[in-house]
Each structure stands twice: as C-alpha cells, then as structure tokens.
Amino acid sequence: MGRRVVSEGLGEAEDEEAKLEARSKEKKIDPPQEVAFPEVWEIDGTMPDERKEERRRRRRRRRRRRRRRRIEDEKREADDDDDNDDEDEEEDEEEEEEYDPWEYEAFRCDWSIFSCIYGSFEDTTAIPPLRFTYEPPPPNSITCPAETLQVFSAKVVETRGGLQWPLDVFGFTAVCDWIDHNRNIIYNRARDNCQTLTQEDHNLVLVGPTRAIGPATFEVDLKVKGATESEDKCLSFLAAKFFKLSLSTLEFTLGCIVQSVEATIFMRVIRGSWPGDFCFEFAALATAASGKNTVCADNAPCIDREKFVLLDSRGQKVPPACDGKINLSRRVVSVGIDGELKVSVKVWKDYNTVMVKEEVFTPLNSGLSYGELDIGFCAVEVNIAWSLIMKQPVPANCRPNVRSDQSFGL
C-alpha cells in the first residue's frame, strides 16, 4: 500500500517537470542583467581622473578665497592704522592748542548745575582752614583723615605762538573740589603786578590753596602782558581734571595723600633781628610712614621727597611784620596721619654760605604743635594748627564763619 503512494507521488513530479520544460521551449526567458554600481575608490586610494580634477578645482577655489580674505584683512588693518595716525595727529593738534574756549565753556556749563547750591561761578571758596583745630566737628558730619591733593609746584615748560623769554605773566589758576565747587586760588596776579618768568626760572609763585583740597578740577586763565592790553597774548586758558591734566604750556607737580589731616603753618621771629642781606626759603616736607599713605605714578618722583615751598625770597628783601610775623606765600599743607611734617629754612648769601635748619612735627587730629628754628642771628617760632577734613559738600547757606589766625593767638 505504501509503495503505491510513493510511486504515485513520483509520477506526479515527473509530469510537472515535463510541463515546465515544454513551456520553456515555447517562450525563451532572458537571463538577468548585471546591476551598474557607481565607481568607487580602489584599495590603494586612487580615484578616477575626473574626480581628481574636480578635487583640484575645489582646492584652487579655496586657496583663492583665503588669499582674497587675507588681502582684504591687510587692507582693513592699513586703513585702521591710517585712521589711528589721523587721530594721533588730531590729538597732537589739540595738545598744541593754547586757547580752548569751547572746553572752558563746557566746564562752565557743567558747573552751572551747582549754581543754585554753591553760588556764583566766580566765587572763591569761603571755607577756611582751622575748622576743627579746637572745635569738634558737627555730630552728624563725616570728618576724618581723608584723601587730599597736594599741589607742590607749577611752571611754564614751553612757549608757543611766537612768545619769547622773558614772559610777564598775569592771571589766575584755581582748583575746584567737591566740598563747595568754588575757586580755591593757587596763583593770582593782576596785570599791573605781573610775574616775570625767565628761561632759567619759570616757576609760578603759588599762593594757595587756602585749605586742604580733595580731587579737583584745575581752572587756568593765564596771559602774557603786551605793550598794551590789546597786545596781551593768551598763555593758557582751559579747565581739566587733575588726573587728566596735560596742558601744552604748564606743568604741575601733584601728589595724592590717602589718609591726611590739614596742617596750617604760622611763623614769627621771636629772638634776634631778621637779616636784610640774606636770601632765604621756608619749605615743608610731608613724609608718610613707609609710603603707605602716598600715591605716586610709576615714573613720578615720590612725594616724600617733594618740597612744598612756603616762602621764597627770590633774592628780594622780605622783612617780617612789626610784630615779627612772617607772611608766608602758602601755609596749608596736607600731611599723612601716620607720617610726619618737616619744616625747614634755608639761608644763603651769594650762594656761598648756606645754613639749613629743620623741625619735625608729628601729625595730630586737632590742636597745636610748637617748634623753633634757630638760624644764629635770629630764632623763628613755628606753630602748626591741625584739623581733620570734612568729607561732605558744604552748601553756600551752611558756610562756617571765616576765622583768622588772631583768634588762636597765632
């Protein structure tokens, strides 16, 4: 029975194959076509010539773009350098300006903001020294050793516009700080009382400040006297912050003292007679403890070695008053609270005989210090009145009464 089934299955398979063979003879079937694959790199990294040429063209285009950008950058840098050169030339031209009314007028317009509080633009400071020498500060005030600006000297360093030495200079120079925004005069000469400057001696004889000052704006209006008023020439006319002070004709020697008190100096002859045929110079030197209260520029001389001239006879006779008081040109000095104040006198005749005496004082918050300079033919008493500095603005309606040295017996 089983055999019959198998034989029947084999017979059917043979019949099916015979049918397929008959059909293939009737219709021929084409063989499968090959698939066209894209060209690929060979194992050694080579590529067809067309692909290589395309890559070379791309590299050339990139090189041209880079070269074009480099040329544009170089051209842009050259234009920037030209612009900087033009700016430098403009700055040089601005520095060469001897008369800048626009800058001065801008300063005056800015100042007018405070006019309703501090008075007129032309007002001089009404705040005196010696404010807290004996009287304590007001209870709600901020009064302490404070940062101050020391003005050591000012000199004419250059002449322009056809000016020739000697120069007969007149006018004023003032500083305005934030205490009252008024003029604190440091140089003042009328036209009929000019100071003659020579090429050998071109330092201005300063007369201030009249009290200790903080960071300030310098106001300068100096002229050179001509044969008539119409022939007067401007030497310097502008306003500038002390940290931007770079005038074309003037050079100031300044110093900042971080924690300082105000020292007001008085002198009088107490023994002997004042010599009439000697030249002399009274000066002060404010030094700080290890320099920690002084601030100097990198190339500036240390202010511990800067002399603050109180009075220079300049070869002239300057007799004391009938009561022996010596009228100093300047008397207010800022001193670091941790430093010391040296007051000296130098006496000479024909630059041959020189005598130097000095007295050292320790700063105080208030009160008086006394010393003596014995120069042989006379003795000079030195009195120092110390005061703290108020760090608050003082409006015009709150100004203190002006004190004189006579109120302290100085």
Protein backbone atom coordinates (compact mmCIF):
# COMPACT_ATOMS: atom_id res chain seq x y z
CA MET A 1 0.00 0.00 0.00
CA GLY A 2 2.79 2.34 0.92
CA ARG A 3 4.69 1.65 -2.22
CA ARG A 4 1.71 2.58 -4.28
CA VAL A 5 1.56 6.05 -2.72
CA VAL A 6 5.22 6.75 -3.39
CA SER A 7 5.06 5.67 -6.94
CA GLU A 8 2.08 7.87 -7.47
CA GLY A 9 3.92 10.93 -5.99
CA LEU A 10 6.97 10.40 -8.19
CA GLY A 11 4.84 10.16 -11.21
CA GLU A 12 3.20 13.48 -10.47
CA ALA A 13 6.63 15.23 -10.04
CA GLU A 14 7.85 13.89 -13.33
CA ASP A 15 4.73 15.11 -15.03
CA GLU A 16 5.25 18.66 -13.57
CA GLU A 17 8.86 18.86 -14.80
CA ALA A 18 7.78 17.77 -18.25
CA LYS A 19 5.22 20.56 -18.35
CA LEU A 20 7.82 23.28 -17.36
CA GLU A 21 10.26 22.05 -20.00
CA ALA A 22 7.59 22.24 -22.64
CA ARG A 23 6.74 25.83 -21.68
CA SER A 24 10.43 26.97 -21.77
CA LYS A 25 10.71 25.68 -25.27
CA GLU A 26 7.67 27.64 -26.31
CA LYS A 27 8.95 31.00 -24.71
CA LYS A 28 12.64 31.87 -24.20
CA ILE A 29 13.41 33.75 -20.92
CA ASP A 30 16.27 36.37 -21.00
CA PRO A 31 18.99 35.96 -18.38
CA PRO A 32 19.15 38.58 -15.54
CA GLN A 33 21.05 41.76 -16.42
CA GLU A 34 24.04 43.00 -14.35
CA VAL A 35 23.44 45.96 -11.99
CA ALA A 36 25.62 49.04 -12.77
CA PHE A 37 27.31 50.03 -9.50
CA PRO A 38 28.91 53.53 -9.14
CA GLU A 39 32.65 53.93 -9.50
CA VAL A 40 34.45 53.55 -6.22
CA TRP A 41 38.00 54.21 -4.96
CA GLU A 42 40.30 51.30 -5.17
CA ILE A 43 42.11 49.95 -2.16
CA ASP A 44 45.31 51.94 -2.89
CA GLY A 45 43.41 55.30 -2.53
CA THR A 46 43.40 56.23 -6.17
CA MET A 47 40.36 57.67 -7.90
CA PRO A 48 39.22 58.25 -11.47
CA ASP A 49 40.77 61.18 -13.35
CA GLU A 50 37.55 63.23 -13.46
CA ARG A 51 37.13 63.03 -9.69
CA LYS A 52 40.76 64.06 -9.15
CA GLU A 53 40.36 67.06 -11.41
CA GLU A 54 37.21 68.16 -9.54
CA ARG A 55 39.05 67.99 -6.22
CA ARG A 56 41.91 70.04 -7.61
CA ARG A 57 39.47 72.73 -8.81
CA ARG A 58 37.88 72.93 -5.36
CA ARG A 59 41.26 73.29 -3.68
CA ARG A 60 42.20 76.11 -6.06
CA ARG A 61 38.93 77.93 -5.32
CA ARG A 62 39.50 77.62 -1.57
CA ARG A 63 43.05 78.98 -1.92
CA ARG A 64 41.77 81.94 -3.95
CA ARG A 65 39.12 82.71 -1.32
CA ARG A 66 41.69 82.57 1.51
CA ARG A 67 44.06 84.80 -0.46
CA ARG A 68 41.27 87.29 -1.14
CA ARG A 69 40.27 87.38 2.56
CA ARG A 70 43.91 87.89 3.59
CA ILE A 71 44.28 90.82 1.19
CA GLU A 72 41.05 92.37 2.48
CA ASP A 73 42.19 91.96 6.10
CA GLU A 74 45.55 93.57 5.34
CA LYS A 75 43.82 96.44 3.60
CA ARG A 76 41.44 96.89 6.54
CA GLU A 77 44.35 96.95 9.01
CA ALA A 78 46.16 99.51 6.87
CA ASP A 79 43.03 101.70 6.86
CA ASP A 80 42.78 101.37 10.65
CA ASP A 81 46.43 102.40 11.02
CA ASP A 82 45.81 105.43 8.83
CA ASP A 83 42.79 106.34 10.96
CA ASN A 84 44.87 105.97 14.14
CA ASP A 85 47.59 108.16 12.62
CA ASP A 86 44.96 110.76 11.78
CA GLU A 87 43.62 110.58 15.34
CA ASP A 88 47.15 110.95 16.74
CA GLU A 89 47.71 113.98 14.53
CA GLU A 90 44.41 115.44 15.70
CA GLU A 91 45.38 114.80 19.33
CA ASP A 92 48.74 116.47 18.73
CA GLU A 93 46.96 119.43 17.20
CA GLU A 94 44.62 119.57 20.19
CA GLU A 95 47.58 119.47 22.58
CA GLU A 96 49.19 122.31 20.64
CA GLU A 97 46.14 124.47 21.16
CA GLU A 98 46.93 127.29 23.55
CA TYR A 99 43.42 128.63 23.70
CA ASP A 100 40.45 126.30 24.02
CA PRO A 101 37.33 128.36 24.82
CA TRP A 102 34.97 125.51 23.95
CA GLU A 103 36.38 123.24 26.62
CA TYR A 104 36.30 126.06 29.14
CA GLU A 105 32.70 126.92 28.27
CA ALA A 106 31.75 123.26 28.61
CA PHE A 107 33.27 123.27 32.10
CA ARG A 108 31.33 126.42 32.96
CA CYS A 109 28.06 124.93 31.69
CA ASP A 110 28.62 121.77 33.72
CA TRP A 111 29.37 123.86 36.79
CA SER A 112 26.10 125.81 36.40
CA ILE A 113 24.30 122.70 37.65
CA PHE A 114 25.55 123.56 41.15
CA SER A 115 24.98 127.34 40.99
CA CYS A 116 21.70 127.22 42.91
CA ILE A 117 23.51 125.49 45.80
CA TYR A 118 27.06 126.84 45.77
CA GLY A 119 26.69 130.41 44.49
CA SER A 120 28.26 132.18 41.54
CA PHE A 121 30.78 130.65 39.15
CA GLU A 122 33.32 133.37 40.01
CA ASP A 123 33.03 132.91 43.80
CA THR A 124 36.15 131.92 45.71
CA THR A 125 35.92 129.37 48.47
CA ALA A 126 34.63 130.69 51.77
CA ILE A 127 35.57 127.56 53.72
CA PRO A 128 38.62 128.44 55.83
CA PRO A 129 41.35 126.27 57.32
CA LEU A 130 41.48 125.61 61.09
CA ARG A 131 37.85 124.45 61.07
CA PHE A 132 38.31 121.72 63.69
CA THR A 133 41.54 122.80 65.39
CA TYR A 134 39.76 123.49 68.68
CA GLU A 135 36.07 122.95 67.99
CA PRO A 136 34.82 119.37 67.46
CA PRO A 137 33.12 118.52 64.16
CA PRO A 138 29.30 118.61 63.99
CA PRO A 139 27.76 115.41 65.38
CA ASN A 140 26.31 114.16 62.08
CA SER A 141 29.27 115.09 59.88
CA ILE A 142 31.74 112.73 58.22
CA THR A 143 35.04 114.15 59.44
CA CYS A 144 38.23 112.11 59.44
CA PRO A 145 41.69 111.81 57.86
CA ALA A 146 40.82 111.93 54.16
CA GLU A 147 42.32 111.77 50.69
CA THR A 148 43.73 115.12 49.62
CA LEU A 149 45.55 116.59 46.65
CA GLN A 150 48.89 118.29 47.26
CA VAL A 151 49.97 120.95 44.75
CA PHE A 152 53.74 121.24 45.02
CA SER A 153 54.60 123.49 42.09
CA ALA A 154 53.59 124.83 38.68
CA LYS A 155 55.85 126.04 35.91
CA VAL A 156 55.73 127.16 32.31
CA VAL A 157 57.56 124.50 30.33
CA GLU A 158 57.06 125.74 26.78
CA THR A 159 56.46 128.93 24.84
CA ARG A 160 54.45 128.96 21.61
CA GLY A 161 52.81 131.34 19.24
CA GLY A 162 55.92 133.48 18.87
CA LEU A 163 56.34 134.09 22.62
CA GLN A 164 59.91 134.61 23.77
CA TRP A 165 61.54 134.67 27.19
CA PRO A 166 61.24 136.58 29.46
CA LEU A 167 57.46 136.48 29.93
CA ASP A 168 55.43 138.88 32.06
CA VAL A 169 52.64 136.57 33.21
CA PHE A 170 49.38 137.53 34.90
CA GLY A 171 46.01 135.91 35.51
CA PHE A 172 44.91 133.17 37.87
CA THR A 173 44.93 129.43 38.42
CA ALA A 174 42.40 127.82 40.74
CA VAL A 175 41.26 124.38 41.85
CA CYS A 176 37.62 123.44 42.43
CA ASP A 177 36.83 120.39 44.55
CA TRP A 178 33.54 118.81 45.56
CA ILE A 179 33.43 120.45 49.02
CA ASP A 180 31.95 123.71 47.72
CA HIS A 181 32.72 123.76 43.94
CA ASN A 182 34.17 127.27 44.32
CA ARG A 183 37.54 128.57 43.25
CA ASN A 184 40.42 127.84 45.59
CA ILE A 185 43.08 130.20 44.24
CA ILE A 186 46.61 128.84 43.93
CA TYR A 187 48.03 131.58 41.66
CA ASN A 188 46.79 135.13 41.18
CA ARG A 189 48.47 138.13 39.58
CA ALA A 190 46.94 141.36 38.32
CA ARG A 191 48.10 142.90 35.06
CA ASP A 192 49.95 145.66 36.87
CA ASN A 193 51.66 143.11 39.14
CA CYS A 194 52.98 140.57 36.65
CA GLN A 195 55.46 137.85 37.48
CA THR A 196 58.46 137.88 35.18
CA LEU A 197 59.46 134.39 34.10
CA THR A 198 62.84 133.68 32.56
CA GLN A 199 64.25 130.65 30.80
CA GLU A 200 66.28 129.89 33.93
CA ASP A 201 63.44 130.45 36.42
CA HIS A 202 59.97 129.74 35.05
CA ASN A 203 58.19 128.54 38.22
CA LEU A 204 54.99 130.31 39.19
CA VAL A 205 54.93 131.75 42.71
CA LEU A 206 51.93 129.92 44.17
CA VAL A 207 49.75 131.43 46.88
CA GLY A 208 47.45 128.54 47.71
CA PRO A 209 45.42 126.52 48.24
CA THR A 210 43.86 128.26 51.23
CA ARG A 211 42.59 124.97 52.71
CA ALA A 212 43.12 121.26 52.14
CA ILE A 213 41.56 120.09 48.87
CA GLY A 214 40.31 116.80 47.53
CA PRO A 215 40.50 115.56 43.92
CA ALA A 216 39.80 118.69 41.92
CA THR A 217 39.36 120.40 38.57
CA PHE A 218 42.04 122.91 37.59
CA GLU A 219 40.88 126.18 36.08
CA VAL A 220 43.60 128.12 34.25
CA ASP A 221 43.44 131.63 32.77
CA LEU A 222 46.95 132.98 32.23
CA LYS A 223 48.09 135.70 29.85
CA VAL A 224 51.35 137.30 28.77
CA LYS A 225 51.43 141.06 29.11
CA GLY A 226 51.96 143.08 25.94
CA ALA A 227 52.75 146.75 25.38
CA THR A 228 49.00 147.45 25.57
CA GLU A 229 46.02 145.39 26.69
CA SER A 230 45.07 144.71 23.09
CA GLU A 231 48.51 143.16 22.58
CA ASP A 232 48.20 140.75 25.53
CA LYS A 233 48.50 137.11 24.48
CA CYS A 234 46.88 134.02 25.94
CA LEU A 235 49.30 131.61 27.60
CA SER A 236 46.79 129.02 28.82
CA PHE A 237 43.00 129.06 29.08
CA LEU A 238 41.13 125.87 29.92
CA ALA A 239 39.81 123.56 32.62
CA ALA A 240 40.88 119.97 33.25
CA LYS A 241 40.57 117.23 35.85
CA PHE A 242 43.76 116.73 37.85
CA PHE A 243 44.14 113.12 36.66
CA LYS A 244 43.84 114.30 33.02
CA LEU A 245 45.97 117.40 33.45
CA SER A 246 48.19 117.64 30.40
CA LEU A 247 48.48 121.27 29.40
CA SER A 248 50.55 122.39 26.46
CA THR A 249 52.33 125.17 28.35
CA LEU A 250 52.03 124.36 32.07
CA GLU A 251 53.38 121.53 34.18
CA PHE A 252 52.02 120.85 37.66
CA THR A 253 53.71 118.68 40.25
CA LEU A 254 50.95 116.96 42.22
CA GLY A 255 50.61 114.26 44.83
CA CYS A 256 47.72 112.36 46.42
CA ILE A 257 47.79 111.63 50.15
CA VAL A 258 45.31 108.91 51.04
CA GLN A 259 44.77 109.49 54.78
CA SER A 260 45.73 113.02 55.67
CA VAL A 261 44.99 115.88 58.00
CA GLU A 262 45.26 119.60 57.36
CA ALA A 263 48.29 121.47 58.73
CA THR A 264 48.25 125.29 58.75
CA ILE A 265 51.70 126.80 59.40
CA PHE A 266 52.47 130.10 61.11
CA MET A 267 55.91 131.65 61.74
CA ARG A 268 57.30 134.66 63.55
CA VAL A 269 60.67 135.95 64.71
CA ILE A 270 60.93 135.68 68.50
CA ARG A 271 64.63 136.50 69.06
CA GLY A 272 67.26 138.50 67.24
CA SER A 273 66.85 140.55 64.08
CA TRP A 274 65.88 139.42 60.62
CA PRO A 275 68.81 139.69 58.14
CA GLY A 276 68.18 142.04 55.26
CA ASP A 277 71.06 140.97 53.02
CA PHE A 278 70.42 137.19 53.02
CA CYS A 279 68.31 135.10 50.69
CA PHE A 280 66.07 132.51 52.30
CA GLU A 281 63.50 129.83 51.62
CA PHE A 282 60.95 128.35 54.01
CA ALA A 283 59.64 124.94 52.98
CA ALA A 284 57.66 121.95 54.26
CA LEU A 285 58.16 118.26 53.58
CA ALA A 286 55.30 115.84 54.33
CA THR A 287 56.52 112.26 54.61
CA ALA A 288 54.46 109.12 55.14
CA ALA A 289 55.14 106.03 57.22
CA SER A 290 56.67 103.52 54.77
CA GLY A 291 54.94 105.38 51.94
CA LYS A 292 51.60 103.71 52.69
CA ASN A 293 49.60 106.95 52.64
CA THR A 294 51.05 108.30 49.42
CA VAL A 295 50.10 107.57 45.84
CA CYS A 296 52.56 108.24 43.01
CA ALA A 297 52.64 107.48 39.31
CA ASP A 298 55.14 104.85 38.18
CA ASN A 299 57.55 107.38 36.71
CA ALA A 300 56.74 110.24 39.08
CA PRO A 301 59.10 111.20 41.87
CA CYS A 302 58.00 110.08 45.32
CA ILE A 303 56.18 112.90 47.07
CA ASP A 304 58.09 112.09 50.26
CA ARG A 305 60.94 113.94 48.57
CA GLU A 306 58.87 116.76 47.05
CA LYS A 307 59.37 120.14 48.65
CA PHE A 308 56.38 122.36 49.40
CA VAL A 309 57.67 125.95 49.25
CA LEU A 310 56.08 128.20 51.86
CA LEU A 311 58.05 131.37 51.06
CA ASP A 312 60.93 132.08 48.69
CA SER A 313 62.60 135.49 48.87
CA ARG A 314 63.84 135.05 45.26
CA GLY A 315 66.73 137.37 46.03
CA GLN A 316 64.49 140.10 47.44
CA LYS A 317 64.15 141.52 50.92
CA VAL A 318 61.06 140.22 52.68
CA PRO A 319 61.07 141.76 56.15
CA PRO A 320 58.69 140.41 58.78
CA ALA A 321 55.80 142.46 60.08
CA CYS A 322 56.23 144.81 63.02
CA ASP A 323 55.10 142.08 65.41
CA GLY A 324 57.65 139.65 63.96
CA LYS A 325 55.17 137.61 61.91
CA ILE A 326 56.45 136.24 58.62
CA ASN A 327 53.90 136.50 55.82
CA LEU A 328 54.16 133.14 54.09
CA SER A 329 53.04 132.82 50.46
CA ARG A 330 51.45 129.47 51.31
CA ARG A 331 50.71 127.94 54.66
CA VAL A 332 48.26 125.00 54.26
CA VAL A 333 49.83 121.55 53.81
CA SER A 334 48.29 118.06 53.79
CA VAL A 335 50.11 115.51 55.95
CA GLY A 336 49.57 111.76 56.25
CA ILE A 337 48.22 110.95 59.70
CA ASP A 338 50.86 108.23 60.20
CA GLY A 339 53.72 110.28 58.76
CA GLU A 340 55.50 113.43 59.83
CA LEU A 341 55.90 117.06 58.80
CA LYS A 342 59.33 118.66 58.42
CA VAL A 343 59.50 122.45 58.35
CA SER A 344 62.83 123.91 57.24
CA VAL A 345 64.56 127.18 56.47
CA LYS A 346 67.50 127.63 54.11
CA VAL A 347 69.57 130.81 54.34
CA TRP A 348 72.40 131.83 52.00
CA LYS A 349 74.34 134.82 50.74
CA ASP A 350 75.87 134.94 47.26
CA TYR A 351 75.32 131.16 47.09
CA ASN A 352 78.41 130.66 49.23
CA THR A 353 77.25 130.43 52.82
CA VAL A 354 74.33 128.07 53.26
CA MET A 355 72.58 127.29 56.53
CA VAL A 356 69.72 124.80 56.78
CA LYS A 357 67.63 124.18 59.89
CA GLU A 358 64.57 121.99 60.23
CA GLU A 359 61.99 120.96 62.81
CA VAL A 360 59.96 117.74 62.75
CA PHE A 361 56.30 117.56 63.83
CA THR A 362 54.03 114.58 64.45
CA PRO A 363 50.54 114.99 62.93
CA LEU A 364 47.54 115.41 65.21
CA ASN A 365 43.81 115.23 64.59
CA SER A 366 43.35 118.65 66.21
CA GLY A 367 45.15 121.18 68.37
CA LEU A 368 48.50 122.96 68.03
CA SER A 369 52.17 121.98 67.77
CA TYR A 370 55.12 124.27 68.51
CA GLY A 371 58.72 124.29 67.33
CA GLU A 372 61.67 126.61 66.78
CA LEU A 373 64.19 127.23 64.01
CA ASP A 374 67.42 128.78 65.34
CA ILE A 375 69.47 130.24 62.49
CA GLY A 376 72.05 132.04 64.59
CA PHE A 377 71.25 135.71 64.11
CA CYS A 378 67.57 135.10 64.92
CA ALA A 379 65.13 132.41 66.06
CA VAL A 380 61.86 131.68 64.28
CA GLU A 381 58.92 130.15 66.13
CA VAL A 382 56.85 127.64 64.14
CA ASN A 383 53.23 126.95 65.07
CA ILE A 384 51.20 124.18 63.39
CA ALA A 385 47.40 124.17 63.64
CA TRP A 386 45.97 120.70 62.93
CA SER A 387 42.47 119.91 61.72
CA LEU A 388 40.50 116.96 60.41
CA ILE A 389 38.88 117.20 56.97
CA MET A 390 35.13 117.09 56.36
CA LYS A 391 34.15 114.65 53.62
CA GLN A 392 30.77 116.24 52.89
CA PRO A 393 29.74 119.02 50.49
CA VAL A 394 29.05 122.36 52.17
CA PRO A 395 26.26 124.43 50.51
CA ALA A 396 26.51 128.22 50.45
CA ASN A 397 23.90 128.66 53.18
CA CYS A 398 25.87 126.41 55.55
CA ARG A 399 29.31 128.04 55.25
CA PRO A 400 31.26 128.37 58.50
CA ASN A 401 32.42 131.72 59.78
CA VAL A 402 35.83 132.73 58.46
CA ARG A 403 38.40 132.50 61.25
CA SER A 404 41.63 134.41 61.44
CA ASP A 405 44.87 133.28 62.98
CA GLN A 406 44.44 136.01 65.59
CA SER A 407 41.54 134.08 67.13
CA PHE A 408 44.08 131.42 68.12
CA GLY A 409 46.85 133.81 69.08
CA LEU A 410 48.98 132.74 66.09
